């Protein structure tokens, strides 16, 4: 094989422009495909991130009273009626829910009066729910305890005193206390920076309302639950149902609330599965679009290699005929073109790996795209080489069909 490389390189030097075009095309294909696949992988991973809740059996229902200002007694009546609906496991009033897109956030500090963001240890989403929150959402309590009725404060989500206890997500606990247990420790929230809040429980996972907009796990899973129950003219309930009863139970819950107080306007009842689908719609569309770009680029590269190899075969009919007349086998002719193509693809891949790494660094610095793993780049390089070789097979097989007398006569 090494004896064949020298004449192949000599032939390529006589066709520098064509060879250079193949090298550039392969390099650009590798650079773009490897980064696109990496981005698609990131976006696909986002789509499958768990919220930490019983997603398939949860739905949200929001409403606003058309008269009156609401009260604790009215909210308690609403929740009692909802929990009495057949198929309902539990229900809770809340200020937001995972993947909603908007909610309440706070700076968290280990020291009092750290109102400056630079002095804060983390940023977190804040959920305001009573003792029914963990059971309704289906959260997994890893350590500590749930709230009790005595822990719950009645008040406005965004005003009034901060409760003295809270439950945090494991991600937030690890960020605040990376080398020790968070349970029992005190933290300070920026809205009431002088009041210590004791961590009484740690849940395995609870995504933030803004989780769909980031690949940063700290941003997507930093969550804290404070025991606040707010009764006002507007309300937001999360309802958990028994498996398989979601479609049948949702309208019954709405009827129960209307029976409790018909003077209200409802928003659309939204299952958490639907909320997830809507939240990640842009990521899903981007992944599909980039996947199509990948396929088109691969097709263009393959067609380019087929076209150029076919062109070279046509130009070298006389050379092929002479070699066949001198005893070259068909396998030797095919091997010649495949080695030639492999050398070009290898040069393109080596150049493309450098370009791919540079492009990835630029995307990372400007758009926060994740780093391209070395194994992924090597895998893409192997795929591109195999693609190039596959594209060269058909023209190479056409070359061996040229009879020596026909080739010499046609030139």
Protein backbone atom coordinates (compact mmCIF):
# COMPACT_ATOMS: atom_id res chain seq x y z
CA UNK A 1 0.00 0.00 0.00
CA UNK A 2 2.85 2.40 0.83
CA UNK A 3 4.17 1.95 -2.72
CA UNK A 4 0.85 3.25 -4.06
CA UNK A 5 0.80 6.41 -1.94
CA UNK A 6 3.68 8.16 -3.72
CA UNK A 7 2.13 8.07 -7.22
CA UNK A 8 -1.24 9.04 -5.74
CA UNK A 9 0.29 12.11 -4.08
CA UNK A 10 2.03 12.99 -7.34
CA UNK A 11 -1.29 12.76 -9.18
CA UNK A 12 -2.99 14.94 -6.56
CA UNK A 13 -0.31 17.61 -6.96
CA UNK A 14 -1.33 17.87 -10.60
CA UNK A 15 -4.96 18.43 -9.52
CA UNK A 16 -4.41 20.78 -6.61
CA UNK A 17 -7.64 22.74 -6.90
CA UNK A 18 -9.88 19.66 -6.96
CA UNK A 19 -8.01 18.06 -4.08
CA UNK A 20 -8.14 21.28 -2.07
CA UNK A 21 -11.89 21.56 -2.61
CA UNK A 22 -12.44 18.08 -1.19
CA UNK A 23 -10.21 18.80 1.81
CA UNK A 24 -12.03 22.07 2.58
CA UNK A 25 -15.43 20.48 2.11
CA UNK A 26 -14.61 17.60 4.44
CA UNK A 27 -13.09 19.99 7.01
CA UNK A 28 -16.11 22.28 7.04
CA UNK A 29 -18.47 19.31 7.19
CA UNK A 30 -16.67 17.91 10.23
CA UNK A 31 -16.45 21.29 11.98
CA UNK A 32 -20.12 22.07 11.50
CA UNK A 33 -21.52 18.59 12.06
CA UNK A 34 -19.56 17.95 15.27
CA UNK A 35 -20.70 21.24 16.81
CA UNK A 36 -24.27 20.84 15.58
CA UNK A 37 -24.48 17.31 17.00
CA UNK A 38 -23.11 18.62 20.30
CA UNK A 39 -25.75 21.37 20.41
CA UNK A 40 -28.51 18.94 19.44
CA UNK A 41 -27.33 16.61 22.21
CA UNK A 42 -27.51 19.45 24.72
CA UNK A 43 -31.00 20.44 23.63
CA UNK A 44 -32.20 16.84 23.61
CA UNK A 45 -30.86 16.39 27.14
CA UNK A 46 -32.87 19.45 28.19
CA UNK A 47 -36.06 17.87 26.88
CA UNK A 48 -35.63 14.83 29.11
CA UNK A 49 -34.55 16.56 32.34
CA UNK A 50 -36.92 15.53 35.16
CA UNK A 51 -38.69 18.24 37.13
CA UNK A 52 -38.66 16.18 40.31
CA UNK A 53 -42.46 16.04 40.34
CA UNK A 54 -45.09 13.46 39.40
CA UNK A 55 -45.35 15.10 35.98
CA UNK A 56 -47.80 12.72 34.31
CA UNK A 57 -50.42 13.14 37.03
CA UNK A 58 -50.23 16.87 37.75
CA UNK A 59 -52.09 19.84 36.35
CA UNK A 60 -52.32 23.55 37.12
CA UNK A 61 -55.48 25.61 37.32
CA UNK A 62 -55.49 29.38 37.71
CA UNK A 63 -58.39 31.70 38.35
CA UNK A 64 -59.32 35.24 39.31
CA UNK A 65 -62.34 36.34 41.29
CA UNK A 66 -64.67 38.73 39.50
CA UNK A 67 -65.89 40.12 42.81
CA UNK A 68 -64.44 40.16 46.30
CA UNK A 69 -60.83 39.97 47.40
CA UNK A 70 -60.62 36.38 48.57
CA UNK A 71 -59.90 35.04 52.05
CA UNK A 72 -58.21 32.19 53.86
CA UNK A 73 -61.58 30.62 54.59
CA UNK A 74 -62.56 30.75 50.91
CA UNK A 75 -59.22 29.21 49.86
CA UNK A 76 -59.58 26.44 52.43
CA UNK A 77 -63.08 25.73 51.10
CA UNK A 78 -61.78 25.59 47.53
CA UNK A 79 -59.03 23.16 48.46
CA UNK A 80 -61.38 20.96 50.49
CA UNK A 81 -63.79 20.71 47.56
CA UNK A 82 -60.98 19.93 45.12
CA UNK A 83 -59.51 17.22 47.39
CA UNK A 84 -62.95 15.64 47.64
CA UNK A 85 -63.20 15.15 43.87
CA UNK A 86 -62.85 11.43 42.97
CA UNK A 87 -59.42 10.78 41.48
CA UNK A 88 -57.70 13.69 43.25
CA UNK A 89 -54.73 12.66 45.40
CA UNK A 90 -53.99 16.12 46.81
CA UNK A 91 -54.03 19.81 45.93
CA UNK A 92 -52.10 22.88 47.03
CA UNK A 93 -52.20 26.63 46.48
CA UNK A 94 -48.90 27.90 45.11
CA UNK A 95 -47.29 30.95 43.56
CA UNK A 96 -45.76 29.09 40.60
CA UNK A 97 -44.79 25.67 39.27
CA UNK A 98 -41.86 24.07 37.37
CA UNK A 99 -41.30 25.29 33.79
CA UNK A 100 -43.92 28.02 34.10
CA UNK A 101 -41.44 30.63 32.89
CA UNK A 102 -42.10 33.17 35.64
CA UNK A 103 -41.96 33.11 39.40
CA UNK A 104 -40.37 34.46 42.54
CA UNK A 105 -36.58 34.40 42.92
CA UNK A 106 -34.31 35.36 45.81
CA UNK A 107 -30.66 35.75 46.60
CA UNK A 108 -29.44 33.35 49.29
CA UNK A 109 -26.64 34.07 51.73
CA UNK A 110 -25.06 32.29 54.67
CA UNK A 111 -24.58 35.62 56.44
CA UNK A 112 -27.21 38.12 57.60
CA UNK A 113 -27.90 41.41 55.83
CA UNK A 114 -26.18 40.38 52.58
CA UNK A 115 -28.45 42.40 50.33
CA UNK A 116 -25.67 42.97 47.77
CA UNK A 117 -25.70 40.24 45.12
CA UNK A 118 -21.91 39.91 45.28
CA UNK A 119 -22.21 38.86 48.91
CA UNK A 120 -24.83 36.21 48.19
CA UNK A 121 -23.96 32.54 47.83
CA UNK A 122 -26.64 31.60 45.29
CA UNK A 123 -29.78 32.62 43.44
CA UNK A 124 -32.84 30.44 43.83
CA UNK A 125 -36.43 30.06 42.73
CA UNK A 126 -38.90 30.36 45.60
CA UNK A 127 -42.04 28.23 45.90
CA UNK A 128 -44.64 29.29 48.45
CA UNK A 129 -46.73 26.29 49.55
CA UNK A 130 -48.09 24.80 52.73
CA UNK A 131 -47.64 21.27 54.10
CA UNK A 132 -49.54 19.80 51.14
CA UNK A 133 -46.91 20.95 48.63
CA UNK A 134 -44.54 17.99 48.78
CA UNK A 135 -47.33 15.43 48.56
CA UNK A 136 -49.13 17.24 45.77
CA UNK A 137 -46.06 17.68 43.59
CA UNK A 138 -44.80 14.19 44.39
CA UNK A 139 -41.40 15.40 45.58
CA UNK A 140 -38.93 12.96 47.12
CA UNK A 141 -37.88 14.13 50.59
CA UNK A 142 -34.29 12.97 51.07
CA UNK A 143 -33.70 14.33 54.56
CA UNK A 144 -35.53 16.17 57.30
CA UNK A 145 -39.26 16.70 57.56
CA UNK A 146 -42.20 18.27 55.81
CA UNK A 147 -43.90 21.45 56.99
CA UNK A 148 -46.57 21.32 59.67
CA UNK A 149 -49.63 23.54 59.91
CA UNK A 150 -47.83 25.53 62.63
CA UNK A 151 -45.00 26.38 60.20
CA UNK A 152 -47.31 28.00 57.64
CA UNK A 153 -47.69 31.78 57.56
CA UNK A 154 -50.69 33.51 56.03
CA UNK A 155 -49.67 36.44 53.90
CA UNK A 156 -48.61 37.84 50.57
CA UNK A 157 -45.97 35.96 48.60
CA UNK A 158 -43.93 39.08 47.93
CA UNK A 159 -44.43 40.99 51.18
CA UNK A 160 -44.61 40.43 54.89
CA UNK A 161 -42.29 38.45 57.15
CA UNK A 162 -40.32 35.48 55.89
CA UNK A 163 -41.10 32.14 57.59
CA UNK A 164 -38.46 30.78 59.92
CA UNK A 165 -38.16 27.41 58.13
CA UNK A 166 -37.73 26.20 54.55
CA UNK A 167 -37.17 23.10 52.43
CA UNK A 168 -34.47 23.24 49.75
CA UNK A 169 -33.56 21.20 46.67
CA UNK A 170 -30.48 19.00 46.82
CA UNK A 171 -28.76 21.10 44.14
CA UNK A 172 -29.16 24.28 46.21
CA UNK A 173 -28.10 22.47 49.39
CA UNK A 174 -24.88 21.28 47.74
CA UNK A 175 -24.13 24.73 46.37
CA UNK A 176 -24.59 26.37 49.77
CA UNK A 177 -22.95 23.62 51.84
CA UNK A 178 -20.65 21.60 49.54
CA UNK A 179 -18.75 19.89 52.38
CA UNK A 180 -21.39 19.45 55.05
CA UNK A 181 -25.02 18.59 55.62
CA UNK A 182 -27.46 21.41 54.90
CA UNK A 183 -30.12 20.09 57.27
CA UNK A 184 -30.44 22.31 60.33
CA UNK A 185 -28.32 25.11 58.88
CA UNK A 186 -29.57 28.69 58.66
CA UNK A 187 -29.68 30.78 55.51
CA UNK A 188 -30.81 34.32 54.71
CA UNK A 189 -33.04 35.35 51.81
CA UNK A 190 -32.53 38.75 50.22
CA UNK A 191 -36.12 39.95 50.77
CA UNK A 192 -35.69 39.63 54.55
CA UNK A 193 -31.91 39.56 54.82
CA UNK A 194 -31.77 39.92 58.58
CA UNK A 195 -33.97 36.93 59.44
CA UNK A 196 -32.46 33.44 59.63
CA UNK A 197 -34.35 30.67 57.86
CA UNK A 198 -33.65 27.13 59.08
CA UNK A 199 -33.42 24.32 56.54
CA UNK A 200 -35.71 21.58 57.85
CA UNK A 201 -35.80 19.38 54.74
CA UNK A 202 -34.01 18.54 51.49
CA UNK A 203 -35.87 17.26 48.41
CA UNK A 204 -34.12 15.31 45.68
CA UNK A 205 -35.08 17.66 42.85
CA UNK A 206 -37.41 20.55 42.11
CA UNK A 207 -36.91 22.42 38.87
CA UNK A 208 -37.35 26.16 38.80
CA UNK A 209 -40.00 27.95 36.72
CA UNK A 210 -37.19 29.20 34.45
CA UNK A 211 -35.51 25.81 33.99
CA UNK A 212 -36.33 25.56 30.28
CA UNK A 213 -34.27 28.64 29.49
CA UNK A 214 -30.91 27.37 30.73
CA UNK A 215 -28.56 24.40 30.57
CA UNK A 216 -27.03 25.45 33.91
CA UNK A 217 -28.09 22.89 36.51
CA UNK A 218 -27.62 25.41 39.35
CA UNK A 219 -30.07 27.77 37.68
CA UNK A 220 -32.56 25.10 36.68
CA UNK A 221 -32.65 23.18 39.98
CA UNK A 222 -31.91 25.77 42.66
CA UNK A 223 -35.25 25.86 44.48
CA UNK A 224 -36.52 26.61 47.95
CA UNK A 225 -40.00 26.03 49.39
CA UNK A 226 -41.24 28.43 52.06
CA UNK A 227 -44.43 27.74 54.05
CA UNK A 228 -46.57 30.69 52.97
CA UNK A 229 -50.26 30.47 52.08
CA UNK A 230 -51.61 33.47 50.22
CA UNK A 231 -55.32 34.13 49.72
CA UNK A 232 -56.29 36.87 47.31
CA UNK A 233 -58.44 37.68 44.30
CA UNK A 234 -56.24 35.48 42.13
CA UNK A 235 -55.35 31.88 42.77
CA UNK A 236 -53.13 29.14 41.37
CA UNK A 237 -53.64 25.53 42.35
CA UNK A 238 -51.60 22.44 41.58
CA UNK A 239 -53.64 19.24 41.61
CA UNK A 240 -52.31 15.68 41.64
CA UNK A 241 -54.54 12.86 40.46
CA UNK A 242 -54.38 9.09 40.41
CA UNK A 243 -52.54 7.58 37.41
CA UNK A 244 -54.65 7.49 34.27
CA UNK A 245 -57.42 9.77 35.54
CA UNK A 246 -56.07 13.16 34.44
CA UNK A 247 -58.42 13.80 31.52
CA UNK A 248 -61.49 12.75 33.49
CA UNK A 249 -60.57 14.59 36.69
CA UNK A 250 -59.62 18.03 35.34
CA UNK A 251 -63.15 19.12 34.34
CA UNK A 252 -64.53 17.79 37.63
CA UNK A 253 -62.06 19.94 39.58
CA UNK A 254 -63.18 22.99 37.65
CA UNK A 255 -66.84 22.17 38.41
CA UNK A 256 -65.99 21.85 42.11
CA UNK A 257 -64.40 25.30 42.14
CA UNK A 258 -67.36 26.81 40.31
CA UNK A 259 -69.69 25.23 42.86
CA UNK A 260 -67.58 26.77 45.62
CA UNK A 261 -67.71 30.24 44.05
CA UNK A 262 -69.04 30.86 40.53
CA UNK A 263 -67.81 34.47 40.55
CA UNK A 264 -64.42 33.76 38.98
CA UNK A 265 -62.67 33.56 35.64
CA UNK A 266 -60.56 30.49 34.91
CA UNK A 267 -57.44 30.16 32.89
CA UNK A 268 -56.90 27.04 30.82
CA UNK A 269 -56.28 23.88 32.82
CA UNK A 270 -52.75 22.80 31.97
CA UNK A 271 -51.30 19.33 32.58
CA UNK A 272 -47.62 19.46 33.50
CA UNK A 273 -46.83 17.26 30.49
CA UNK A 274 -48.29 19.97 28.26
CA UNK A 275 -46.43 22.66 30.20
CA UNK A 276 -43.16 20.79 29.58
CA UNK A 277 -43.92 20.44 25.88
CA UNK A 278 -44.64 24.16 25.55
CA UNK A 279 -41.61 25.19 27.62
CA UNK A 280 -39.22 23.19 25.46
CA UNK A 281 -40.90 23.89 22.12
CA UNK A 282 -38.07 26.16 20.94
CA UNK A 283 -35.41 23.64 21.97
CA UNK A 284 -37.28 20.87 20.16
CA UNK A 285 -37.64 22.99 17.02
CA UNK A 286 -33.97 23.94 17.15
CA UNK A 287 -32.91 20.30 17.49
CA UNK A 288 -35.06 19.31 14.50
CA UNK A 289 -33.80 22.21 12.38
CA UNK A 290 -30.16 21.50 13.22
CA UNK A 291 -30.71 17.81 12.52
CA UNK A 292 -32.01 18.70 9.05
CA UNK A 293 -28.99 20.96 8.50
CA UNK A 294 -26.72 18.04 9.43
CA UNK A 295 -28.44 15.70 6.99
CA UNK A 296 -28.30 18.25 4.16
CA UNK A 297 -24.64 18.97 4.83
CA UNK A 298 -23.76 15.28 4.87
CA UNK A 299 -25.66 14.76 1.61
CA UNK A 300 -23.93 17.72 -0.07
CA UNK A 301 -20.52 16.45 1.04
CA UNK A 302 -21.25 12.93 -0.19
CA UNK A 303 -22.48 14.23 -3.55
CA UNK A 304 -19.41 16.44 -3.83
CA UNK A 305 -17.08 13.51 -3.29
CA UNK A 306 -19.05 11.36 -5.74
CA UNK A 307 -18.95 14.12 -8.36
CA UNK A 308 -15.26 14.85 -7.98
CA UNK A 309 -14.27 11.18 -7.96
CA UNK A 310 -16.41 10.59 -11.06
CA UNK A 311 -14.69 13.54 -12.73
CA UNK A 312 -11.28 12.13 -11.93
CA UNK A 313 -12.29 8.70 -13.24
CA UNK A 314 -13.45 10.27 -16.51
CA UNK A 315 -10.21 12.25 -16.87
CA UNK A 316 -8.08 9.18 -16.20
CA UNK A 317 -9.68 6.74 -18.61
CA UNK A 318 -6.46 6.52 -20.61
CA UNK A 319 -4.39 5.99 -17.45
CA UNK A 320 -6.83 3.31 -16.26
CA UNK A 321 -6.72 1.61 -19.65
CA UNK A 322 -2.91 1.56 -19.69
CA UNK A 323 -2.77 0.14 -16.17
CA UNK A 324 -5.30 -2.54 -17.06
CA UNK A 325 -3.34 -3.38 -20.22
CA UNK A 326 -0.19 -3.75 -18.12
CA UNK A 327 -1.93 -6.25 -15.88
CA UNK A 328 -3.48 -4.17 -13.09
CA UNK A 329 -6.43 -5.97 -11.55
CA UNK A 330 -9.83 -4.44 -11.01
CA UNK A 331 -9.24 -4.59 -7.25
CA UNK A 332 -6.03 -2.58 -7.69
CA UNK A 333 -7.88 0.15 -9.61
CA UNK A 334 -10.60 0.38 -6.93
CA UNK A 335 -7.95 0.39 -4.21
CA UNK A 336 -6.12 3.24 -5.96
CA UNK A 337 -9.15 5.54 -5.94
CA UNK A 338 -10.16 4.59 -2.41
CA UNK A 339 -6.66 5.29 -1.08
CA UNK A 340 -6.62 8.59 -2.94
CA UNK A 341 -9.96 9.54 -1.42
CA UNK A 342 -8.90 8.35 2.04
CA UNK A 343 -5.83 10.61 1.94
CA UNK A 344 -7.98 13.60 1.03
CA UNK A 345 -10.56 12.78 3.70
CA UNK A 346 -7.83 12.29 6.31
CA UNK A 347 -6.31 15.66 5.47
CA UNK A 348 -9.76 17.25 5.63
CA UNK A 349 -10.52 15.59 8.96
CA UNK A 350 -7.24 16.74 10.54
CA UNK A 351 -7.86 20.29 9.37
CA UNK A 352 -11.53 20.03 10.33
CA UNK A 353 -10.75 18.96 13.90
CA UNK A 354 -8.78 22.17 14.41
CA UNK A 355 -11.59 24.24 12.87
CA UNK A 356 -14.22 22.37 14.94
CA UNK A 357 -12.38 23.07 18.18
CA UNK A 358 -11.95 26.74 17.29
CA UNK A 359 -15.63 27.06 16.33
CA UNK A 360 -16.67 25.40 19.58
CA UNK A 361 -14.55 27.79 21.66
CA UNK A 362 -16.14 30.73 19.84
CA UNK A 363 -19.67 29.37 20.39
CA UNK A 364 -18.87 28.69 24.04
CA UNK A 365 -17.54 32.20 24.68
CA UNK A 366 -20.34 34.01 22.82
CA UNK A 367 -23.41 31.82 23.32
CA UNK A 368 -22.65 29.57 26.27
CA UNK A 369 -22.64 26.38 24.20
CA UNK A 370 -21.10 23.45 26.05
CA UNK A 371 -17.57 22.27 25.32
CA UNK A 372 -17.24 19.71 22.53
CA UNK A 373 -16.07 16.41 24.06
CA UNK A 374 -12.97 14.88 22.47
CA UNK A 375 -14.68 11.50 22.04
CA UNK A 376 -17.56 13.13 20.19
CA UNK A 377 -15.19 14.94 17.84
CA UNK A 378 -13.26 11.72 17.14
CA UNK A 379 -16.51 9.84 16.51
CA UNK A 380 -17.68 12.51 14.06
CA UNK A 381 -14.27 12.38 12.35
CA UNK A 382 -14.59 8.61 11.92
CA UNK A 383 -18.12 9.00 10.54
CA UNK A 384 -16.96 11.62 8.03
CA UNK A 385 -14.09 9.39 6.85
CA UNK A 386 -16.45 6.43 6.42
CA UNK A 387 -18.91 8.69 4.63
CA UNK A 388 -16.17 9.86 2.27
CA UNK A 389 -15.06 6.33 1.54
CA UNK A 390 -18.62 5.21 0.97
CA UNK A 391 -19.19 8.08 -1.44
CA UNK A 392 -16.08 7.11 -3.43
CA UNK A 393 -17.07 3.46 -3.85
CA UNK A 394 -19.56 3.91 -6.70
CA UNK A 395 -17.27 6.00 -8.97
CA UNK A 396 -14.40 3.61 -8.21
CA UNK A 397 -16.49 0.63 -9.28
CA UNK A 398 -17.34 2.47 -12.50
CA UNK A 399 -13.63 2.84 -13.15
CA UNK A 400 -13.02 -0.91 -13.15
CA UNK A 401 -15.67 -1.41 -15.84
CA UNK A 402 -13.49 0.45 -18.33
CA UNK A 403 -11.96 -2.07 -20.76
CA UNK A 404 -8.32 -1.33 -21.76
CA UNK A 405 -9.04 -1.21 -25.50
CA UNK A 406 -12.08 1.01 -25.01
CA UNK A 407 -10.16 3.42 -22.76
CA UNK A 408 -7.24 3.74 -25.19
CA UNK A 409 -9.58 4.14 -28.16
CA UNK A 410 -11.71 6.87 -26.44
CA UNK A 411 -8.77 9.21 -25.79
